[in-house]
Amino acid sequence: MSTNLLTTPPLSLYIHIPWCVEKCPYCDFNSHALKSKVPEQDYVQALIADLDADIERFNLQNRPLHSIFIGGGTPSLFSAQSIESLLQQVFSRFINGASQSSAPEKLIEVTLEANPGTVEADKFIGFAKAGVTRLSIGVQSFESEKLVKLGRIHNVDQAKQAAQLATNSGVQSFNLDLMHGLPNQTIENALDDLKTAINLKPDHLSWYQLTIEPNTAFHSKPPKLPQDETLWNIQDEGFKLLADAGYKQYEISAFSLEAETKDKKETKQCQHNLNYWRFGDYLGIGCGAHGKITDVDTNVVHRTVKVKHPKGYLDANRDPLDHLTTVSSEELPFEYMMNQLRLFSPFTLTHYQQRTGLVSSTILPTLQQAQNKQLMICIDEAPNQETWQVTPLGHRYLNDLLELFL
């Protein structure tokens, strides 16, 4: 890597809360079914100790915070008071933390994942008052039979109520998570689910296909999933529905509304996830959390993984850091592309150089190969600003496109 190419990207923070009421059969995230009361105070204390260690390890005292995402597990199991205590301590450690209590337009995005079966009106309002600006609600389906099959603890009415509560809670925006390609799902079933979600008027929809992952209950006993032709039809018809309802697809499974304000168009895209996909930096704290940090002084991109099990993570005598690795220059092109190519927006070779520290010749021949296969296109050939974008065919066959960069 070269010292005059690598630049410091935005810094986000991912916070993992690992507990769930029950483990869903499709879930391969680091989550643990509750066996006793959640140790909220002890876990918040451990998270802040973990954060302090990372700040010192990577000399992050003078870097502002771009966004926060509290994921799980089921973070909405925590009380609003615990979330407020956590966020206040986080904000106090970053140079732009004071602005979080000032004008709304200066607030950084703070997302909290919620399960419809673990919330009520007062809790969502409490999360908003605690500093959460965005809620992400894991609905997955609005059909009772599908919710049972997916192991979800909420029912259809609770899912709809959660969206209404989010609308009235005081947060700036909310997302609904919805799956398609569910066991025995027809095109009509999938589109009815999507229509119900659209009618609830979320600012953002994450609409993605169920996949069977290793080390899950569904992997051990696979359910009967729709045929490929049905899956393609669900996707194509769903994209039309979303576009007609005003949702813009900006990533392969993410759709957002644009709000017209007096001076500008305000996008409801998830800023935290955008930072991931643009190969930005992020600290990962909590059980099994992953992080990526760029050190421009040493020209190194680090990756971190934290202790996975809650018992080990909560052990004050144990370092929460489980693995610290360096991304090699040979791995960087694929890692950059694996994220960037998910987006529908173009990228420049200058951005590639700034995020990886590598010269454009390390990626240009493969981009040209992808263009020959009609999977990518160069839309601007200006010197030092050559701009590339994935084609519709490239998004449809994204795995084939990514393989070119391996």
Protein backbone atom coordinates (compact mmCIF):
# COMPACT_ATOMS: atom_id res chain seq x y z
CA MET A 1 0.00 0.00 0.00
CA SER A 2 1.10 3.52 -0.71
CA THR A 3 1.18 6.40 1.78
CA ASN A 4 -0.21 8.95 -0.68
CA LEU A 5 -3.32 6.92 -1.56
CA LEU A 6 -4.86 5.58 1.66
CA THR A 7 -7.15 8.05 3.46
CA THR A 8 -9.05 7.82 6.74
CA PRO A 9 -12.68 6.78 6.07
CA PRO A 10 -15.74 7.56 8.21
CA LEU A 11 -15.89 5.64 11.51
CA SER A 12 -19.06 3.83 12.58
CA LEU A 13 -19.79 1.79 15.70
CA TYR A 14 -21.56 -1.57 15.78
CA ILE A 15 -22.83 -2.75 19.17
CA HIS A 16 -23.92 -6.39 19.50
CA ILE A 17 -26.46 -7.50 22.08
CA PRO A 18 -26.58 -11.30 21.83
CA TRP A 19 -29.72 -12.38 23.67
CA CYS A 20 -33.04 -13.46 22.12
CA VAL A 21 -36.20 -14.92 23.62
CA GLU A 22 -35.77 -17.87 21.24
CA LYS A 23 -33.27 -18.78 18.53
CA CYS A 24 -34.87 -18.69 15.07
CA PRO A 25 -34.23 -21.79 12.90
CA TYR A 26 -32.81 -19.73 9.99
CA CYS A 27 -30.53 -17.49 12.11
CA ASP A 28 -26.75 -17.87 11.86
CA PHE A 29 -25.98 -14.69 13.85
CA ASN A 30 -24.27 -14.89 17.22
CA SER A 31 -27.43 -15.02 19.33
CA HIS A 32 -28.30 -16.92 22.50
CA ALA A 33 -31.73 -17.88 23.80
CA LEU A 34 -32.49 -16.39 27.21
CA LYS A 35 -32.13 -18.76 30.15
CA SER A 36 -32.33 -16.14 32.88
CA LYS A 37 -32.63 -12.39 33.34
CA VAL A 38 -30.54 -10.29 30.94
CA PRO A 39 -27.50 -8.84 32.79
CA GLU A 40 -28.06 -5.36 31.36
CA GLN A 41 -25.86 -3.28 33.65
CA ASP A 42 -22.95 -5.73 33.58
CA TYR A 43 -23.13 -5.97 29.81
CA VAL A 44 -23.22 -2.20 29.31
CA GLN A 45 -20.16 -1.95 31.56
CA ALA A 46 -18.39 -4.63 29.50
CA LEU A 47 -19.30 -2.87 26.23
CA ILE A 48 -17.78 0.41 27.39
CA ALA A 49 -14.62 -1.33 28.58
CA ASP A 50 -14.42 -3.00 25.16
CA LEU A 51 -14.90 0.36 23.43
CA ASP A 52 -12.23 2.06 25.55
CA ALA A 53 -9.76 -0.71 24.73
CA ASP A 54 -10.37 -0.30 20.99
CA ILE A 55 -10.10 3.49 21.14
CA GLU A 56 -6.72 3.17 22.83
CA ARG A 57 -5.56 0.27 20.63
CA PHE A 58 -6.21 2.18 17.40
CA ASN A 59 -5.66 5.78 18.63
CA LEU A 60 -9.21 6.86 17.81
CA GLN A 61 -9.49 9.70 20.33
CA ASN A 62 -9.65 12.38 17.59
CA ARG A 63 -11.94 10.68 15.11
CA PRO A 64 -15.62 11.72 14.93
CA LEU A 65 -18.34 9.08 14.95
CA HIS A 66 -20.35 8.63 11.74
CA SER A 67 -23.16 6.32 12.94
CA ILE A 68 -24.15 3.69 15.51
CA PHE A 69 -26.01 0.42 14.97
CA ILE A 70 -27.22 -1.66 17.92
CA GLY A 71 -27.92 -5.16 16.59
CA GLY A 72 -28.44 -8.65 17.88
CA GLY A 73 -29.92 -10.81 19.07
CA THR A 74 -32.78 -8.67 20.20
CA PRO A 75 -31.57 -5.29 21.53
CA SER A 76 -35.15 -4.26 22.34
CA LEU A 77 -34.99 -6.71 25.25
CA PHE A 78 -32.93 -4.03 27.00
CA SER A 79 -34.65 -1.24 28.88
CA ALA A 80 -34.64 2.30 27.53
CA GLN A 81 -32.63 3.30 30.61
CA SER A 82 -29.85 0.84 29.75
CA ILE A 83 -29.75 2.01 26.13
CA GLU A 84 -29.60 5.63 27.29
CA SER A 85 -26.74 4.88 29.70
CA LEU A 86 -24.87 3.04 26.94
CA LEU A 87 -25.30 5.79 24.36
CA GLN A 88 -24.38 8.60 26.74
CA GLN A 89 -21.11 6.84 27.58
CA VAL A 90 -20.40 6.19 23.91
CA PHE A 91 -21.06 9.81 22.88
CA SER A 92 -18.77 11.13 25.60
CA ARG A 93 -15.83 9.32 24.03
CA PHE A 94 -15.96 10.94 20.57
CA ILE A 95 -15.19 14.50 19.56
CA ASN A 96 -18.60 15.05 17.93
CA GLY A 97 -20.49 13.54 20.88
CA ALA A 98 -21.72 16.90 22.16
CA SER A 99 -23.62 17.57 18.93
CA GLN A 100 -25.88 14.57 19.59
CA SER A 101 -27.78 16.69 22.11
CA SER A 102 -28.08 19.72 19.81
CA ALA A 103 -30.21 20.46 16.73
CA PRO A 104 -31.91 17.42 15.09
CA GLU A 105 -30.19 18.00 11.74
CA LYS A 106 -26.81 17.46 13.43
CA LEU A 107 -27.72 14.13 15.02
CA ILE A 108 -25.79 11.10 13.84
CA GLU A 109 -27.87 8.08 12.85
CA VAL A 110 -28.38 5.67 15.77
CA THR A 111 -30.24 2.49 14.79
CA LEU A 112 -31.67 -0.06 17.22
CA GLU A 113 -33.03 -3.43 16.11
CA ALA A 114 -36.35 -4.43 17.65
CA ASN A 115 -38.52 -7.53 17.66
CA PRO A 116 -42.29 -6.83 17.49
CA GLY A 117 -42.83 -9.32 20.30
CA THR A 118 -40.62 -7.44 22.77
CA VAL A 119 -41.90 -3.86 22.51
CA GLU A 120 -44.69 -1.64 23.68
CA ALA A 121 -45.46 2.05 23.16
CA ASP A 122 -43.55 3.36 26.16
CA LYS A 123 -40.44 1.39 25.20
CA PHE A 124 -40.17 2.83 21.68
CA ILE A 125 -40.71 6.33 23.04
CA GLY A 126 -38.04 5.63 25.66
CA PHE A 127 -35.57 4.48 23.01
CA ALA A 128 -36.17 7.70 21.06
CA LYS A 129 -35.56 9.80 24.18
CA ALA A 130 -32.42 7.75 24.89
CA GLY A 131 -30.85 8.90 21.61
CA VAL A 132 -32.05 6.29 19.09
CA THR A 133 -32.93 8.04 15.82
CA ARG A 134 -33.87 4.98 13.74
CA LEU A 135 -35.64 1.70 14.56
CA SER A 136 -35.23 -1.49 12.54
CA ILE A 137 -38.10 -3.91 13.15
CA GLY A 138 -37.69 -7.60 12.34
CA VAL A 139 -41.11 -8.51 10.92
CA GLN A 140 -40.02 -11.16 8.32
CA SER A 141 -43.63 -11.96 7.32
CA PHE A 142 -47.24 -10.86 7.85
CA GLU A 143 -48.62 -14.39 7.44
CA SER A 144 -49.26 -16.36 10.65
CA GLU A 145 -48.24 -19.74 9.22
CA LYS A 146 -44.94 -18.34 7.94
CA LEU A 147 -44.15 -16.66 11.29
CA VAL A 148 -44.62 -20.00 13.07
CA LYS A 149 -42.43 -21.79 10.51
CA LEU A 150 -39.72 -19.12 10.95
CA GLY A 151 -39.82 -19.49 14.75
CA ARG A 152 -40.83 -15.86 15.32
CA ILE A 153 -42.32 -15.05 18.72
CA HIS A 154 -44.64 -12.29 17.47
CA ASN A 155 -47.94 -12.47 15.62
CA VAL A 156 -49.26 -10.49 12.65
CA ASP A 157 -51.11 -7.93 14.79
CA GLN A 158 -48.00 -7.27 16.88
CA ALA A 159 -45.97 -6.73 13.71
CA LYS A 160 -48.43 -4.13 12.41
CA GLN A 161 -48.68 -2.50 15.84
CA ALA A 162 -44.88 -2.23 16.09
CA ALA A 163 -44.77 -0.26 12.83
CA GLN A 164 -47.46 2.09 14.12
CA LEU A 165 -45.64 2.52 17.43
CA ALA A 166 -42.43 3.34 15.57
CA THR A 167 -44.27 5.95 13.49
CA ASN A 168 -45.46 7.71 16.66
CA SER A 169 -42.37 7.17 18.83
CA GLY A 170 -40.35 10.26 17.97
CA VAL A 171 -37.56 8.55 16.00
CA GLN A 172 -36.59 10.14 12.70
CA SER A 173 -37.18 7.00 10.62
CA PHE A 174 -37.83 3.28 10.83
CA ASN A 175 -37.09 0.18 8.78
CA LEU A 176 -39.05 -3.03 8.33
CA ASP A 177 -37.13 -6.26 7.75
CA LEU A 178 -39.08 -8.59 5.45
CA MET A 179 -38.13 -11.94 3.91
CA HIS A 180 -39.30 -13.63 0.72
CA GLY A 181 -38.72 -17.11 -0.67
CA LEU A 182 -40.16 -18.58 2.53
CA PRO A 183 -41.15 -22.26 2.93
CA ASN A 184 -44.05 -23.10 0.58
CA GLN A 185 -44.46 -19.42 -0.33
CA THR A 186 -46.27 -18.55 -3.55
CA ILE A 187 -45.79 -15.38 -5.59
CA GLU A 188 -49.16 -14.16 -4.28
CA ASN A 189 -48.12 -14.78 -0.65
CA ALA A 190 -44.84 -12.91 -1.07
CA LEU A 191 -46.41 -9.93 -2.81
CA ASP A 192 -49.22 -9.73 -0.22
CA ASP A 193 -46.53 -9.55 2.48
CA LEU A 194 -44.79 -6.76 0.61
CA LYS A 195 -48.03 -4.83 0.03
CA THR A 196 -48.81 -5.01 3.75
CA ALA A 197 -45.35 -3.67 4.58
CA ILE A 198 -45.66 -0.82 2.07
CA ASN A 199 -49.07 0.15 3.49
CA LEU A 200 -47.44 0.63 6.91
CA LYS A 201 -45.34 3.41 5.31
CA PRO A 202 -41.86 2.66 6.65
CA ASP A 203 -39.12 5.05 5.51
CA HIS A 204 -36.95 2.06 4.65
CA LEU A 205 -37.55 -1.56 3.68
CA SER A 206 -35.01 -4.38 3.84
CA TRP A 207 -36.52 -7.04 1.55
CA TYR A 208 -34.37 -10.10 1.08
CA GLN A 209 -34.55 -13.77 0.21
CA LEU A 210 -34.37 -16.45 2.90
CA THR A 211 -31.15 -18.43 2.57
CA ILE A 212 -30.27 -21.63 4.38
CA GLU A 213 -27.03 -21.10 6.30
CA PRO A 214 -24.71 -23.69 7.92
CA ASN A 215 -25.05 -24.28 11.66
CA THR A 216 -28.75 -23.46 11.71
CA ALA A 217 -31.79 -25.62 12.45
CA PHE A 218 -33.00 -25.15 8.87
CA HIS A 219 -29.67 -26.49 7.62
CA SER A 220 -30.14 -29.66 9.67
CA LYS A 221 -33.77 -30.07 8.57
CA PRO A 222 -34.24 -28.00 5.39
CA PRO A 223 -37.77 -26.75 4.70
CA LYS A 224 -39.28 -26.90 1.21
CA LEU A 225 -38.44 -23.60 -0.48
CA PRO A 226 -39.91 -22.19 -3.71
CA GLN A 227 -38.40 -23.18 -7.06
CA ASP A 228 -35.88 -20.83 -8.71
CA GLU A 229 -38.42 -19.66 -11.30
CA THR A 230 -40.84 -18.67 -8.53
CA LEU A 231 -38.04 -16.86 -6.69
CA TRP A 232 -37.14 -14.85 -9.81
CA ASN A 233 -40.78 -13.93 -10.36
CA ILE A 234 -41.23 -12.87 -6.73
CA GLN A 235 -38.19 -10.66 -7.00
CA ASP A 236 -39.14 -9.06 -10.32
CA GLU A 237 -42.75 -8.38 -9.32
CA GLY A 238 -41.65 -7.16 -5.89
CA PHE A 239 -39.20 -4.67 -7.38
CA LYS A 240 -42.03 -3.22 -9.50
CA LEU A 241 -44.31 -2.92 -6.47
CA LEU A 242 -41.64 -1.11 -4.47
CA ALA A 243 -40.76 1.26 -7.31
CA ASP A 244 -44.43 2.12 -7.88
CA ALA A 245 -44.76 2.91 -4.16
CA GLY A 246 -41.83 5.35 -4.33
CA TYR A 247 -39.13 3.14 -2.84
CA LYS A 248 -35.73 3.52 -4.48
CA GLN A 249 -33.48 0.47 -4.54
CA TYR A 250 -30.00 1.59 -3.54
CA GLU A 251 -28.56 -1.80 -2.51
CA ILE A 252 -29.44 -5.36 -3.49
CA SER A 253 -31.89 -5.78 -0.57
CA ALA A 254 -32.41 -2.18 0.65
CA PHE A 255 -35.10 0.28 -0.46
CA SER A 256 -35.72 3.79 0.83
CA LEU A 257 -38.11 6.67 0.42
CA GLU A 258 -36.91 10.18 -0.34
CA ALA A 259 -38.56 12.97 1.63
CA GLU A 260 -38.91 16.39 0.05
CA THR A 261 -37.91 19.19 2.42
CA LYS A 262 -37.95 22.94 1.85
CA ASP A 263 -34.34 23.07 0.69
CA LYS A 264 -33.45 19.59 -0.49
CA LYS A 265 -34.34 15.94 -0.92
CA GLU A 266 -33.75 14.02 2.29
CA THR A 267 -32.82 10.39 1.76
CA LYS A 268 -33.84 7.67 4.20
CA GLN A 269 -31.03 5.34 3.20
CA CYS A 270 -29.32 3.61 6.11
CA GLN A 271 -26.16 5.66 6.63
CA HIS A 272 -24.55 3.02 8.82
CA ASN A 273 -24.89 0.25 6.24
CA LEU A 274 -23.77 2.60 3.48
CA ASN A 275 -20.53 3.09 5.37
CA TYR A 276 -20.02 -0.71 5.42
CA TRP A 277 -20.70 -1.02 1.70
CA ARG A 278 -18.41 1.89 0.84
CA PHE A 279 -15.62 0.13 2.73
CA GLY A 280 -15.66 2.58 5.62
CA ASP A 281 -14.33 1.85 9.10
CA TYR A 282 -16.33 0.48 11.99
CA LEU A 283 -15.63 -0.57 15.54
CA GLY A 284 -17.39 -3.74 16.62
CA ILE A 285 -18.07 -4.15 20.35
CA GLY A 286 -20.05 -6.88 22.06
CA CYS A 287 -20.12 -10.68 21.84
CA GLY A 288 -18.64 -11.88 18.56
CA ALA A 289 -18.74 -8.40 16.99
CA HIS A 290 -16.53 -7.75 13.96
CA GLY A 291 -14.67 -4.51 13.26
CA LYS A 292 -12.54 -2.91 10.52
CA ILE A 293 -10.10 -0.08 11.19
CA THR A 294 -7.80 1.75 8.75
CA ASP A 295 -4.47 3.03 10.05
CA VAL A 296 -3.14 5.53 7.52
CA ASP A 297 0.09 6.03 9.50
CA THR A 298 1.13 2.40 9.10
CA ASN A 299 -0.81 1.80 5.85
CA VAL A 300 -2.68 -1.14 7.34
CA VAL A 301 -6.33 -2.23 7.38
CA HIS A 302 -7.09 -4.20 10.57
CA ARG A 303 -9.97 -6.56 11.29
CA THR A 304 -11.13 -7.44 14.81
CA VAL A 305 -13.37 -10.16 16.25
CA LYS A 306 -14.54 -10.10 19.85
CA VAL A 307 -15.08 -13.00 22.26
CA LYS A 308 -18.17 -14.83 21.09
CA HIS A 309 -19.87 -16.28 24.16
CA PRO A 310 -21.51 -13.96 26.73
CA LYS A 311 -19.91 -15.78 29.67
CA GLY A 312 -16.41 -15.21 28.31
CA TYR A 313 -17.17 -11.68 27.18
CA LEU A 314 -18.47 -10.71 30.63
CA ASP A 315 -15.34 -12.08 32.33
CA ALA A 316 -13.56 -8.90 33.49
CA ASN A 317 -10.25 -10.80 33.62
CA ARG A 318 -10.40 -11.68 29.93
CA ASP A 319 -9.56 -9.40 27.00
CA PRO A 320 -12.72 -8.97 24.89
CA LEU A 321 -10.56 -9.05 21.74
CA ASP A 322 -10.46 -12.59 20.34
CA HIS A 323 -8.75 -12.00 16.96
CA LEU A 324 -6.80 -9.13 15.43
CA THR A 325 -5.75 -9.60 11.82
CA THR A 326 -4.34 -7.51 8.99
CA VAL A 327 -5.99 -7.50 5.57
CA SER A 328 -3.29 -8.28 3.00
CA SER A 329 -2.90 -6.23 -0.17
CA GLU A 330 -3.90 -9.37 -2.14
CA GLU A 331 -7.22 -9.58 -0.23
CA LEU A 332 -8.12 -5.90 -0.37
CA PRO A 333 -9.48 -5.71 -3.96
CA PHE A 334 -11.99 -8.50 -3.31
CA GLU A 335 -12.96 -7.13 0.12
CA TYR A 336 -13.60 -3.68 -1.36
CA MET A 337 -15.62 -5.07 -4.26
CA MET A 338 -17.60 -7.52 -2.11
CA ASN A 339 -19.07 -4.49 -0.34
CA GLN A 340 -19.15 -1.82 -3.05
CA LEU A 341 -20.79 -3.99 -5.70
CA ARG A 342 -23.89 -4.41 -3.53
CA LEU A 343 -24.72 -0.76 -4.22
CA PHE A 344 -26.63 0.64 -7.18
CA SER A 345 -24.57 3.83 -7.13
CA PRO A 346 -21.28 4.07 -9.06
CA PHE A 347 -17.80 4.34 -7.60
CA THR A 348 -14.60 5.95 -8.81
CA LEU A 349 -11.13 4.47 -9.04
CA THR A 350 -10.02 7.35 -6.80
CA HIS A 351 -12.38 6.07 -4.08
CA TYR A 352 -10.95 2.56 -4.52
CA GLN A 353 -7.44 3.94 -4.07
CA GLN A 354 -8.40 5.97 -0.98
CA ARG A 355 -10.09 3.02 0.74
CA THR A 356 -7.51 0.35 -0.08
CA GLY A 357 -4.28 2.28 -0.59
CA LEU A 358 -3.77 0.35 -3.84
CA VAL A 359 -3.16 1.78 -7.31
CA SER A 360 -5.97 1.45 -9.85
CA SER A 361 -4.00 -1.06 -11.95
CA THR A 362 -4.67 -3.67 -9.22
CA ILE A 363 -8.37 -3.69 -10.16
CA LEU A 364 -8.70 -2.18 -13.65
CA PRO A 365 -8.05 -5.35 -15.73
CA THR A 366 -10.77 -7.21 -13.80
CA LEU A 367 -13.19 -4.31 -14.22
CA GLN A 368 -12.56 -4.42 -17.97
CA GLN A 369 -13.13 -8.18 -17.94
CA ALA A 370 -16.46 -7.62 -16.13
CA GLN A 371 -17.35 -4.99 -18.75
CA ASN A 372 -16.67 -7.49 -21.54
CA LYS A 373 -19.18 -9.82 -19.86
CA GLN A 374 -21.70 -6.93 -19.61
CA LEU A 375 -21.67 -7.20 -15.80
CA MET A 376 -20.18 -3.71 -15.28
CA ILE A 377 -19.91 -0.52 -17.29
CA CYS A 378 -17.55 2.46 -17.23
CA ILE A 379 -19.80 5.54 -17.20
CA ASP A 380 -17.10 8.22 -17.00
CA GLU A 381 -13.55 7.91 -18.30
CA ALA A 382 -12.24 11.22 -16.94
CA PRO A 383 -8.57 10.98 -15.84
CA ASN A 384 -8.23 10.00 -12.17
CA GLN A 385 -12.04 9.91 -11.88
CA GLU A 386 -12.84 6.86 -13.96
CA THR A 387 -16.29 5.80 -12.74
CA TRP A 388 -17.73 2.28 -12.76
CA GLN A 389 -21.19 0.88 -12.12
CA VAL A 390 -22.74 -2.58 -11.91
CA THR A 391 -25.21 -3.31 -14.74
CA PRO A 392 -28.67 -4.83 -14.11
CA LEU A 393 -27.21 -8.11 -15.41
CA GLY A 394 -24.34 -7.78 -12.94
CA HIS A 395 -26.75 -7.36 -10.02
CA ARG A 396 -28.73 -10.37 -11.16
CA TYR A 397 -25.59 -12.50 -11.29
CA LEU A 398 -23.69 -10.81 -8.49
CA ASN A 399 -21.94 -13.98 -7.29
CA ASP A 400 -20.55 -14.57 -10.78
CA LEU A 401 -19.34 -10.96 -10.87
CA LEU A 402 -17.67 -11.23 -7.47
CA GLU A 403 -15.85 -14.41 -8.49
CA LEU A 404 -13.92 -12.39 -11.08
CA PHE A 405 -12.26 -10.45 -8.25
CA LEU A 406 -11.19 -13.47 -6.18
